[in-house]
PDB file of N, CA and C in Angstrom:
ATOM      1  N   UNK A   1       5.230  -5.949  14.083  1.00  0.00           N
ATOM      2  CA  UNK A   1       3.868  -5.782  13.689  1.00  0.00           C
ATOM      3  C   UNK A   1       3.570  -6.971  12.096  1.00  0.00           C
ATOM      4  N   UNK A   2       2.154  -7.018  12.672  1.00  0.00           N
ATOM      5  CA  UNK A   2       1.307  -8.089  11.692  1.00  0.00           C
ATOM      6  C   UNK A   2       0.905  -7.198  10.698  1.00  0.00           C
ATOM      7  N   UNK A   3       0.456  -8.260   9.494  1.00  0.00           N
ATOM      8  CA  UNK A   3      -0.280  -7.754   8.319  1.00  0.00           C
ATOM      9  C   UNK A   3      -1.650  -6.778   9.050  1.00  0.00           C
ATOM     10  N   UNK A   4      -2.412  -7.515  10.096  1.00  0.00           N
ATOM     11  CA  UNK A   4      -3.769  -6.942  10.525  1.00  0.00           C
ATOM     12  C   UNK A   4      -3.372  -5.830  11.073  1.00  0.00           C
ATOM     13  N   UNK A   5      -2.286  -5.474  11.571  1.00  0.00           N
ATOM     14  CA  UNK A   5      -1.909  -4.244  12.325  1.00  0.00           C
ATOM     15  C   UNK A   5      -1.784  -3.054  11.223  1.00  0.00           C
ATOM     16  N   UNK A   6      -0.877  -3.812  10.329  1.00  0.00           N
ATOM     17  CA  UNK A   6      -0.625  -2.554   9.293  1.00  0.00           C
ATOM     18  C   UNK A   6      -2.009  -2.235   8.358  1.00  0.00           C
ATOM     19  N   UNK A   7      -3.289  -3.123   8.387  1.00  0.00           N
ATOM     20  CA  UNK A   7      -4.302  -2.960   7.350  1.00  0.00           C
ATOM     21  C   UNK A   7      -5.111  -1.765   8.375  1.00  0.00           C
ATOM     22  N   UNK A   8      -4.584  -1.507   9.393  1.00  0.00           N
ATOM     23  CA  UNK A   8      -5.557  -0.559  10.345  1.00  0.00           C
ATOM     24  C   UNK A   8      -5.088   0.754   9.700  1.00  0.00           C
ATOM     25  N   UNK A   9      -3.715   1.126   9.662  1.00  0.00           N
ATOM     26  CA  UNK A   9      -3.130   2.280   9.347  1.00  0.00           C
ATOM     27  C   UNK A   9      -3.537   3.090   7.628  1.00  0.00           C
ATOM     28  N   UNK A  10      -3.751   4.356   8.295  1.00  0.00           N
ATOM     29  CA  UNK A  10      -4.100   5.199   6.627  1.00  0.00           C
ATOM     30  C   UNK A  10      -2.682   5.189   6.017  1.00  0.00           C
ATOM     31  N   UNK A  11      -2.500   5.044   4.648  1.00  0.00           N
ATOM     32  CA  UNK A  11      -1.279   5.494   4.029  1.00  0.00           C
ATOM     33  C   UNK A  11      -1.282   6.772   3.299  1.00  0.00           C
ATOM     34  N   UNK A  12      -0.745   7.780   3.421  1.00  0.00           N
ATOM     35  CA  UNK A  12      -0.554   8.856   3.142  1.00  0.00           C
ATOM     36  C   UNK A  12       0.817   9.256   2.232  1.00  0.00           C
ATOM     37  N   UNK A  13       0.492  10.057   0.933  1.00  0.00           N
ATOM     38  CA  UNK A  13       1.543  10.033  -0.078  1.00  0.00           C
ATOM     39  C   UNK A  13       1.867  11.362   0.515  1.00  0.00           C
ATOM     40  N   UNK A  14       3.214  11.540   0.877  1.00  0.00           N
ATOM     41  CA  UNK A  14       4.017  13.165   1.578  1.00  0.00           C
ATOM     42  C   UNK A  14       4.350  13.720   0.099  1.00  0.00           C
ATOM     43  N   UNK A  15       4.533  13.271  -1.078  1.00  0.00           N
ATOM     44  CA  UNK A  15       4.334  14.177  -2.349  1.00  0.00           C
ATOM     45  C   UNK A  15       3.273  15.077  -2.272  1.00  0.00           C
ATOM     46  N   UNK A  16       2.136  14.953  -2.240  1.00  0.00           N
ATOM     47  CA  UNK A  16       0.638  15.777  -2.528  1.00  0.00           C
ATOM     48  C   UNK A  16       0.061  15.574  -1.270  1.00  0.00           C
ATOM     49  N   UNK A  17       0.428  15.152  -0.116  1.00  0.00           N
ATOM     50  CA  UNK A  17      -0.750  15.215   1.171  1.00  0.00           C
ATOM     51  C   UNK A  17      -1.621  14.260   0.804  1.00  0.00           C
ATOM     52  N   UNK A  18      -2.117  13.706  -0.244  1.00  0.00           N
ATOM     53  CA  UNK A  18      -3.334  12.518  -0.121  1.00  0.00           C
ATOM     54  C   UNK A  18      -3.184  11.383   0.772  1.00  0.00           C
ATOM     55  N   UNK A  19      -4.522  11.036   1.097  1.00  0.00           N
ATOM     56  CA  UNK A  19      -4.614   9.968   1.794  1.00  0.00           C
ATOM     57  C   UNK A  19      -4.618   8.950   0.332  1.00  0.00           C
ATOM     58  N   UNK A  20      -3.825   7.701   0.533  1.00  0.00           N
ATOM     59  CA  UNK A  20      -3.801   6.727  -0.334  1.00  0.00           C
ATOM     60  C   UNK A  20      -4.687   5.688  -0.285  1.00  0.00           C
ATOM     61  N   UNK A  21      -4.700   5.264   0.900  1.00  0.00           N
ATOM     62  CA  UNK A  21      -6.069   4.390   1.429  1.00  0.00           C
ATOM     63  C   UNK A  21      -5.393   3.353   2.604  1.00  0.00           C
ATOM     64  N   UNK A  22      -5.865   2.219   3.054  1.00  0.00           N
ATOM     65  CA  UNK A  22      -5.259   1.124   3.923  1.00  0.00           C
ATOM     66  C   UNK A  22      -4.598  -0.091   3.024  1.00  0.00           C
ATOM     67  N   UNK A  23      -3.966  -0.086   3.910  1.00  0.00           N
ATOM     68  CA  UNK A  23      -3.175  -1.685   3.240  1.00  0.00           C
ATOM     69  C   UNK A  23      -4.133  -2.767   3.178  1.00  0.00           C
ATOM     70  N   UNK A  24      -3.990  -3.124   1.756  1.00  0.00           N
ATOM     71  CA  UNK A  24      -4.722  -4.302   1.455  1.00  0.00           C
ATOM     72  C   UNK A  24      -3.604  -5.593   1.363  1.00  0.00           C
ATOM     73  N   UNK A  25      -2.308  -5.554   1.094  1.00  0.00           N
ATOM     74  CA  UNK A  25      -1.674  -6.671   1.087  1.00  0.00           C
ATOM     75  C   UNK A  25      -0.346  -6.434   1.291  1.00  0.00           C
ATOM     76  N   UNK A  26       0.938  -7.205   1.267  1.00  0.00           N
ATOM     77  CA  UNK A  26       1.865  -7.263   1.016  1.00  0.00           C
ATOM     78  C   UNK A  26       2.734  -7.976   0.090  1.00  0.00           C
ATOM     79  N   UNK A  27       3.957  -7.702  -0.322  1.00  0.00           N
ATOM     80  CA  UNK A  27       4.424  -8.425  -1.196  1.00  0.00           C
ATOM     81  C   UNK A  27       5.992  -8.688  -0.347  1.00  0.00           C
ATOM     82  N   UNK A  28       6.505  -9.734  -0.441  1.00  0.00           N
ATOM     83  CA  UNK A  28       7.776 -10.176   0.157  1.00  0.00           C
ATOM     84  C   UNK A  28       8.618 -11.158  -0.510  1.00  0.00           C
ATOM     85  N   UNK A  29       9.801 -11.090  -0.338  1.00  0.00           N
ATOM     86  CA  UNK A  29      10.832 -12.041  -1.171  1.00  0.00           C
ATOM     87  C   UNK A  29      10.757 -13.251  -0.647  1.00  0.00           C
ATOM     88  N   UNK A  30      10.329 -14.388  -1.205  1.00  0.00           N
ATOM     89  CA  UNK A  30      10.478 -15.688  -0.891  1.00  0.00           C
ATOM     90  C   UNK A  30      11.643 -16.394  -0.140  1.00  0.00           C
ATOM     91  N   UNK A  31      12.572 -16.021  -0.759  1.00  0.00           N
ATOM     92  CA  UNK A  31      13.933 -16.831  -0.278  1.00  0.00           C
ATOM     93  C   UNK A  31      14.267 -15.869   0.904  1.00  0.00           C
ATOM     94  N   UNK A  32      14.075 -14.914   1.118  1.00  0.00           N
ATOM     95  CA  UNK A  32      14.749 -14.258   2.181  1.00  0.00           C
ATOM     96  C   UNK A  32      13.714 -13.791   3.327  1.00  0.00           C
ATOM     97  N   UNK A  33      12.218 -13.827   2.973  1.00  0.00           N
ATOM     98  CA  UNK A  33      10.968 -13.470   3.815  1.00  0.00           C
ATOM     99  C   UNK A  33      11.073 -11.766   4.516  1.00  0.00           C
ATOM    100  N   UNK A  34      12.401 -11.221   3.517  1.00  0.00           N
ATOM    101  CA  UNK A  34      11.761  -9.797   3.709  1.00  0.00           C
ATOM    102  C   UNK A  34      10.604  -9.035   2.770  1.00  0.00           C
ATOM    103  N   UNK A  35       9.926  -7.714   3.398  1.00  0.00           N
ATOM    104  CA  UNK A  35       8.871  -7.296   2.935  1.00  0.00           C
ATOM    105  C   UNK A  35       9.473  -6.581   1.540  1.00  0.00           C
ATOM    106  N   UNK A  36       8.960  -6.523   0.477  1.00  0.00           N
ATOM    107  CA  UNK A  36       9.252  -5.778  -0.633  1.00  0.00           C
ATOM    108  C   UNK A  36       8.459  -4.531  -1.064  1.00  0.00           C
ATOM    109  N   UNK A  37       7.453  -4.789  -0.613  1.00  0.00           N
ATOM    110  CA  UNK A  37       6.318  -3.485  -0.968  1.00  0.00           C
ATOM    111  C   UNK A  37       5.119  -3.578  -0.241  1.00  0.00           C
ATOM    112  N   UNK A  38       4.011  -2.733  -0.167  1.00  0.00           N
ATOM    113  CA  UNK A  38       2.775  -2.507   0.289  1.00  0.00           C
ATOM    114  C   UNK A  38       1.815  -2.460  -0.626  1.00  0.00           C
ATOM    115  N   UNK A  39       0.864  -3.021  -0.607  1.00  0.00           N
ATOM    116  CA  UNK A  39      -0.324  -2.874  -1.859  1.00  0.00           C
ATOM    117  C   UNK A  39      -1.517  -2.255  -1.082  1.00  0.00           C
ATOM    118  N   UNK A  40      -1.649  -1.101  -1.898  1.00  0.00           N
ATOM    119  CA  UNK A  40      -2.824  -0.147  -1.117  1.00  0.00           C
ATOM    120  C   UNK A  40      -4.096  -0.198  -2.352  1.00  0.00           C
ATOM    121  N   UNK A  41      -5.451  -0.119  -2.222  1.00  0.00           N
ATOM    122  CA  UNK A  41      -6.292  -0.101  -3.264  1.00  0.00           C
ATOM    123  C   UNK A  41      -6.208   0.704  -4.506  1.00  0.00           C
ATOM    124  N   UNK A  42      -5.995   0.270  -5.683  1.00  0.00           N
ATOM    125  CA  UNK A  42      -5.981   1.196  -6.694  1.00  0.00           C
ATOM    126  C   UNK A  42      -7.498   1.790  -7.053  1.00  0.00           C
ATOM    127  N   UNK A  43      -7.519   2.657  -8.083  1.00  0.00           N
ATOM    128  CA  UNK A  43      -8.759   3.282  -8.596  1.00  0.00           C
ATOM    129  C   UNK A  43      -9.948   2.098  -8.712  1.00  0.00           C
ATOM    130  N   UNK A  44     -10.884   2.302  -8.510  1.00  0.00           N
ATOM    131  CA  UNK A  44     -11.921   1.657  -8.315  1.00  0.00           C
ATOM    132  C   UNK A  44     -12.321   0.986  -9.849  1.00  0.00           C
ATOM    133  N   UNK A  45     -12.602   0.045 -10.078  1.00  0.00           N
ATOM    134  CA  UNK A  45     -13.231  -0.437 -11.051  1.00  0.00           C
ATOM    135  C   UNK A  45     -13.928  -1.672 -11.198  1.00  0.00           C
ATOM    136  N   UNK A  46     -15.387  -1.382 -11.579  1.00  0.00           N
ATOM    137  CA  UNK A  46     -16.465  -2.318 -11.349  1.00  0.00           C
ATOM    138  C   UNK A  46     -16.274  -3.686 -12.019  1.00  0.00           C
ATOM    139  N   UNK A  47     -16.138  -3.325 -13.000  1.00  0.00           N
ATOM    140  CA  UNK A  47     -15.557  -4.789 -13.971  1.00  0.00           C
ATOM    141  C   UNK A  47     -14.900  -5.602 -13.350  1.00  0.00           C
ATOM    142  N   UNK A  48     -13.926  -5.011 -12.648  1.00  0.00           N
ATOM    143  CA  UNK A  48     -12.881  -5.838 -12.266  1.00  0.00           C
ATOM    144  C   UNK A  48     -13.161  -6.550 -10.716  1.00  0.00           C
ATOM    145  N   UNK A  49     -14.125  -5.682 -10.441  1.00  0.00           N
ATOM    146  CA  UNK A  49     -14.664  -6.116  -8.903  1.00  0.00           C
ATOM    147  C   UNK A  49     -15.784  -7.027  -9.135  1.00  0.00           C
ATOM    148  N   UNK A  50     -16.281  -7.005 -10.317  1.00  0.00           N
ATOM    149  CA  UNK A  50     -17.285  -7.922 -10.715  1.00  0.00           C
ATOM    150  C   UNK A  50     -16.535  -9.479 -11.084  1.00  0.00           C
ATOM    151  N   UNK A  51     -15.263  -9.315 -11.580  1.00  0.00           N
ATOM    152  CA  UNK A  51     -14.631 -10.207 -11.910  1.00  0.00           C
ATOM    153  C   UNK A  51     -13.890 -11.015 -10.752  1.00  0.00           C
ATOM    154  N   UNK A  52     -13.742 -10.635  -9.677  1.00  0.00           N
ATOM    155  CA  UNK A  52     -12.987 -10.877  -8.740  1.00  0.00           C
ATOM    156  C   UNK A  52     -11.439 -10.420  -8.636  1.00  0.00           C
ATOM    157  N   UNK A  53     -11.324  -9.536  -9.417  1.00  0.00           N
ATOM    158  CA  UNK A  53      -9.769  -9.021  -9.323  1.00  0.00           C
ATOM    159  C   UNK A  53      -9.844  -8.633  -8.154  1.00  0.00           C
ATOM    160  N   UNK A  54      -8.706  -8.300  -7.820  1.00  0.00           N
ATOM    161  CA  UNK A  54      -7.903  -7.119  -6.817  1.00  0.00           C
ATOM    162  C   UNK A  54      -6.604  -6.561  -7.726  1.00  0.00           C
ATOM    163  N   UNK A  55      -6.953  -4.962  -8.025  1.00  0.00           N
ATOM    164  CA  UNK A  55      -6.188  -4.189  -8.448  1.00  0.00           C
ATOM    165  C   UNK A  55      -5.636  -3.255  -7.153  1.00  0.00           C
ATOM    166  N   UNK A  56      -4.503  -3.263  -7.169  1.00  0.00           N
ATOM    167  CA  UNK A  56      -3.792  -2.498  -6.286  1.00  0.00           C
ATOM    168  C   UNK A  56      -2.699  -1.392  -7.008  1.00  0.00           C
ATOM    169  N   UNK A  57      -2.454  -0.581  -6.105  1.00  0.00           N
ATOM    170  CA  UNK A  57      -1.167   0.283  -6.277  1.00  0.00           C
ATOM    171  C   UNK A  57       0.476  -0.284  -5.353  1.00  0.00           C
ATOM    172  N   UNK A  58       1.201  -0.708  -6.039  1.00  0.00           N
ATOM    173  CA  UNK A  58       2.057  -1.286  -5.174  1.00  0.00           C
ATOM    174  C   UNK A  58       3.649  -0.170  -4.915  1.00  0.00           C
ATOM    175  N   UNK A  59       3.305  -0.309  -3.752  1.00  0.00           N
ATOM    176  CA  UNK A  59       4.379   0.715  -3.103  1.00  0.00           C
ATOM    177  C   UNK A  59       5.906   0.061  -2.800  1.00  0.00           C
ATOM    178  N   UNK A  60       6.606   0.327  -3.390  1.00  0.00           N
ATOM    179  CA  UNK A  60       8.098  -0.172  -3.107  1.00  0.00           C
ATOM    180  C   UNK A  60       8.512  -0.457  -1.767  1.00  0.00           C
ATOM    181  N   UNK A  61       9.336  -0.802  -0.901  1.00  0.00           N
ATOM    182  CA  UNK A  61       9.693  -0.770   0.175  1.00  0.00           C
ATOM    183  C   UNK A  61      10.508   0.657   0.288  1.00  0.00           C
ATOM    184  N   UNK A  62      11.441   0.586  -0.267  1.00  0.00           N
ATOM    185  CA  UNK A  62      12.285   2.126  -0.434  1.00  0.00           C
ATOM    186  C   UNK A  62      11.874   3.399  -0.014  1.00  0.00           C
ATOM    187  N   UNK A  63      10.330   3.504  -0.929  1.00  0.00           N
ATOM    188  CA  UNK A  63       9.626   4.604  -1.173  1.00  0.00           C
ATOM    189  C   UNK A  63       8.414   4.420   0.328  1.00  0.00           C
ATOM    190  N   UNK A  64       8.243   3.715   1.395  1.00  0.00           N
ATOM    191  CA  UNK A  64       8.227   3.978   2.682  1.00  0.00           C
ATOM    192  C   UNK A  64       9.004   4.958   3.404  1.00  0.00           C
ATOM    193  N   UNK A  65       8.580   5.996   3.994  1.00  0.00           N
ATOM    194  CA  UNK A  65       9.317   6.838   4.704  1.00  0.00           C
ATOM    195  C   UNK A  65       9.421   6.582   6.351  1.00  0.00           C
ATOM    196  N   UNK A  66       8.322   6.370   6.765  1.00  0.00           N
ATOM    197  CA  UNK A  66       7.544   5.917   8.060  1.00  0.00           C
ATOM    198  C   UNK A  66       6.576   5.184   8.371  1.00  0.00           C
ATOM    199  N   UNK A  67       6.749   4.499   8.941  1.00  0.00           N
ATOM    200  CA  UNK A  67       5.228   3.729   9.953  1.00  0.00           C
ATOM    201  C   UNK A  67       5.122   4.268  11.281  1.00  0.00           C
ATOM    202  N   UNK A  68       3.933   5.280  11.182  1.00  0.00           N
ATOM    203  CA  UNK A  68       3.393   5.740  12.907  1.00  0.00           C
ATOM    204  C   UNK A  68       2.646   4.772  13.487  1.00  0.00           C
ATOM    205  N   UNK A  69       2.002   5.063  14.538  1.00  0.00           N
ATOM    206  CA  UNK A  69       0.962   4.550  15.087  1.00  0.00           C
ATOM    207  C   UNK A  69      -0.252   4.509  14.434  1.00  0.00           C
ATOM    208  N   UNK A  70      -0.505   5.690  13.697  1.00  0.00           N
ATOM    209  CA  UNK A  70      -1.690   5.585  13.017  1.00  0.00           C
ATOM    210  C   UNK A  70      -1.605   5.777  11.427  1.00  0.00           C
ATOM    211  N   UNK A  71      -0.530   6.084  10.992  1.00  0.00           N
ATOM    212  CA  UNK A  71      -0.381   6.549   9.526  1.00  0.00           C
ATOM    213  C   UNK A  71       1.147   5.589   9.173  1.00  0.00           C
ATOM    214  N   UNK A  72       0.976   5.750   7.437  1.00  0.00           N
ATOM    215  CA  UNK A  72       2.089   5.148   7.240  1.00  0.00           C
ATOM    216  C   UNK A  72       2.521   6.040   5.699  1.00  0.00           C
ATOM    217  N   UNK A  73       3.658   7.243   6.284  1.00  0.00           N
ATOM    218  CA  UNK A  73       4.278   7.938   4.952  1.00  0.00           C
ATOM    219  C   UNK A  73       4.911   7.416   4.157  1.00  0.00           C
ATOM    220  N   UNK A  74       4.315   7.480   2.856  1.00  0.00           N
ATOM    221  CA  UNK A  74       5.149   7.307   1.511  1.00  0.00           C
ATOM    222  C   UNK A  74       5.378   8.413   0.605  1.00  0.00           C
ATOM    223  N   UNK A  75       6.572   8.123   0.110  1.00  0.00           N
ATOM    224  CA  UNK A  75       6.677   9.124  -1.248  1.00  0.00           C
ATOM    225  C   UNK A  75       6.702   8.020  -2.241  1.00  0.00           C
ATOM    226  N   UNK A  76       5.679   8.513  -3.300  1.00  0.00           N
ATOM    227  CA  UNK A  76       5.799   8.510  -4.721  1.00  0.00           C
ATOM    228  C   UNK A  76       4.873   8.976  -5.556  1.00  0.00           C
ATOM    229  N   UNK A  77       5.028   8.754  -7.020  1.00  0.00           N
ATOM    230  CA  UNK A  77       4.863   9.729  -8.085  1.00  0.00           C
ATOM    231  C   UNK A  77       3.329   9.277  -8.505  1.00  0.00           C
ATOM    232  N   UNK A  78       2.125   9.800  -8.079  1.00  0.00           N
ATOM    233  CA  UNK A  78       0.749   9.348  -8.213  1.00  0.00           C
ATOM    234  C   UNK A  78       0.612   8.867  -9.331  1.00  0.00           C
ATOM    235  N   UNK A  79       1.318   9.759 -10.468  1.00  0.00           N
ATOM    236  CA  UNK A  79       0.977  10.172 -11.830  1.00  0.00           C
ATOM    237  C   UNK A  79       1.125   8.405 -12.720  1.00  0.00           C
ATOM    238  N   UNK A  80       2.216   8.133 -11.989  1.00  0.00           N
ATOM    239  CA  UNK A  80       2.497   6.286 -12.741  1.00  0.00           C
ATOM    240  C   UNK A  80       1.943   5.270 -11.704  1.00  0.00           C
TER     241      UNK A  80
END
């Protein structure tokens, strides 16, 4: 599966049933090439947007429950 395919999928937190957003980036281990985390958009911050900063929520790979055809199910505490 490619990053462009992942970016089309909605990410849903099964802890609270809320849609988190769509994948905007991935993090991987440069030595092994394994995916370490998915990054989805964080809370909107106008000043960060003006400065060109990308803020996101990093969801570690062990917290990804299932990648389906249309949705990615994750389990994480949205408060942190």
